[in-house]
Amino acid sequence: MRKKGFTLIELMVVIAIIAILAAIALTSYRAYIRKAKAKELITFARACIQESIAQCMSDPNFANFGNLDACQDPDDTEYIANIDITPPASCDDFTTTVTGTVGGEDYIVECDYDDTQDDIVCSAPRRQ
């Protein structure tokens, strides 16, 4: 007479496969969450460029971008620590770089002002 059901070995193989898939998914999920939190760096970079553009429109010879409110290094946020903003160098070159630490990993975002399109283009956060 034959019994119906699964053997212990079959059940263990299924559990092992599920555990491997869960480990892979958890690693990817954590990386996704860190990158999503790092997107806040884009906000700081865009704000610095926008304030720099406004300042240069009123004073084309302005040179002290580090004193603008949006271009100063903010205190740590809820997700990002050690934020460092590199403001534009002059009114001719609107490029801003922002770095920050999320979950022990350093991320960087670069934003450029495209005057032909009148648009700010930012890179996605990437690990340094």
Protein backbone atom coordinates (compact mmCIF):
# COMPACT_ATOMS: atom_id res chain seq x y z
CA MET A 1 0.00 0.00 0.00
CA ARG A 2 1.33 3.38 -0.98
CA LYS A 3 1.09 6.44 1.31
CA LYS A 4 0.20 9.87 -0.04
CA GLY A 5 2.22 12.96 0.84
CA PHE A 6 5.71 14.41 0.67
CA THR A 7 8.85 12.93 2.10
CA LEU A 8 11.00 14.82 4.55
CA ILE A 9 13.73 15.25 1.91
CA GLU A 10 11.30 16.82 -0.56
CA LEU A 11 10.07 19.28 2.05
CA MET A 12 13.64 20.20 3.04
CA VAL A 13 14.57 20.88 -0.61
CA VAL A 14 11.57 23.18 -1.01
CA ILE A 15 12.43 25.06 2.20
CA ALA A 16 16.07 25.44 1.08
CA ILE A 17 14.97 26.88 -2.28
CA ILE A 18 12.62 29.35 -0.58
CA ALA A 19 15.37 30.42 1.82
CA ILE A 20 17.81 31.10 -1.04
CA LEU A 21 15.23 33.14 -2.94
CA ALA A 22 14.36 35.12 0.19
CA ALA A 23 18.03 35.93 0.85
CA ILE A 24 18.48 37.23 -2.70
CA ALA A 25 15.28 39.28 -2.52
CA LEU A 26 16.17 40.78 0.87
CA THR A 27 19.58 41.93 -0.34
CA SER A 28 18.07 43.60 -3.40
CA TYR A 29 15.33 45.20 -1.31
CA ARG A 30 17.83 46.74 1.12
CA ALA A 31 19.88 48.20 -1.75
CA TYR A 32 16.70 49.63 -3.28
CA ILE A 33 15.69 51.26 0.01
CA ARG A 34 19.14 52.85 0.48
CA LYS A 35 19.05 54.26 -3.04
CA ALA A 36 15.53 55.61 -2.53
CA LYS A 37 16.66 57.38 0.65
CA ALA A 38 19.70 58.77 -1.19
CA LYS A 39 17.40 60.48 -3.71
CA GLU A 40 16.95 63.21 -1.13
CA LEU A 41 20.42 64.40 -2.21
CA ILE A 42 18.89 65.48 -5.53
CA THR A 43 16.67 67.92 -3.61
CA PHE A 44 19.71 69.61 -2.06
CA ALA A 45 21.56 69.83 -5.39
CA ARG A 46 18.57 71.26 -7.28
CA ALA A 47 17.91 73.83 -4.54
CA CYS A 48 21.52 75.00 -4.62
CA ILE A 49 21.50 75.43 -8.41
CA GLN A 50 18.12 77.19 -8.38
CA GLU A 51 19.26 79.69 -5.77
CA SER A 52 22.56 80.18 -7.64
CA ILE A 53 20.72 80.92 -10.88
CA ALA A 54 18.46 83.42 -9.14
CA GLN A 55 21.46 85.14 -7.56
CA CYS A 56 23.35 85.30 -10.87
CA MET A 57 20.33 86.81 -12.62
CA SER A 58 20.34 89.70 -10.17
CA ASP A 59 24.17 89.99 -9.92
CA PRO A 60 26.15 88.43 -12.84
CA ASN A 61 29.46 88.99 -10.99
CA PHE A 62 28.41 87.05 -7.88
CA ALA A 63 31.12 84.64 -6.74
CA ASN A 64 30.45 83.52 -3.16
CA PHE A 65 28.01 80.64 -3.74
CA GLY A 66 29.01 78.91 -0.50
CA ASN A 67 27.16 81.63 1.45
CA LEU A 68 23.82 80.98 -0.25
CA ASP A 69 21.36 79.30 2.12
CA ALA A 70 20.63 76.35 -0.18
CA CYS A 71 24.32 75.73 -0.91
CA GLN A 72 25.42 75.40 2.70
CA ASP A 73 25.90 71.92 4.13
CA PRO A 74 22.68 71.06 5.98
CA ASP A 75 22.48 69.16 9.23
CA ASP A 76 21.95 65.44 8.90
CA THR A 77 18.47 64.50 7.74
CA GLU A 78 16.37 61.53 8.80
CA TYR A 79 18.02 59.23 6.26
CA ILE A 80 21.26 60.94 5.20
CA ALA A 81 24.33 61.75 7.29
CA ASN A 82 27.52 63.68 6.45
CA ILE A 83 25.97 65.79 3.68
CA ASP A 84 28.51 67.85 1.72
CA ILE A 85 27.45 70.33 -0.99
CA THR A 86 29.94 71.63 -3.56
CA PRO A 87 28.30 74.78 -5.01
CA PRO A 88 28.81 76.16 -8.53
CA ALA A 89 32.17 77.81 -9.21
CA SER A 90 30.85 80.84 -11.09
CA CYS A 91 27.86 82.26 -12.91
CA ASP A 92 29.19 80.68 -16.11
CA ASP A 93 29.29 77.12 -14.77
CA PHE A 94 26.26 75.81 -12.89
CA THR A 95 27.38 72.40 -11.65
CA THR A 96 26.67 71.18 -8.14
CA THR A 97 27.85 67.99 -6.47
CA VAL A 98 26.27 66.64 -3.30
CA THR A 99 27.56 63.68 -1.32
CA GLY A 100 26.01 61.95 1.67
CA THR A 101 26.07 58.75 3.67
CA VAL A 102 23.06 56.43 3.70
CA GLY A 103 23.21 53.23 5.70
CA GLY A 104 27.00 53.32 5.89
CA GLU A 105 27.47 53.80 2.13
CA ASP A 106 28.49 57.07 0.45
CA TYR A 107 26.33 58.33 -2.42
CA ILE A 108 26.94 61.17 -4.85
CA VAL A 109 24.60 63.27 -7.01
CA GLU A 110 25.66 65.75 -9.69
CA CYS A 111 23.35 68.40 -11.14
CA ASP A 112 23.99 70.68 -14.12
CA TYR A 113 22.02 73.63 -15.42
CA ASP A 114 21.36 73.39 -19.15
CA ASP A 115 20.80 77.00 -20.26
CA THR A 116 19.72 76.04 -23.79
CA GLN A 117 16.83 73.98 -22.43
CA ASP A 118 16.49 76.10 -19.27
CA ASP A 119 16.44 72.90 -17.23
CA ILE A 120 18.36 71.33 -14.37
CA VAL A 121 19.58 67.81 -15.10
CA CYS A 122 20.59 65.62 -12.16
CA SER A 123 22.19 62.20 -12.11
CA ALA A 124 20.68 59.39 -10.11
CA PRO A 125 22.38 58.75 -6.77
CA ARG A 126 25.31 56.40 -7.21
CA ARG A 127 27.72 54.88 -4.76
CA GLN A 128 31.18 56.36 -4.57
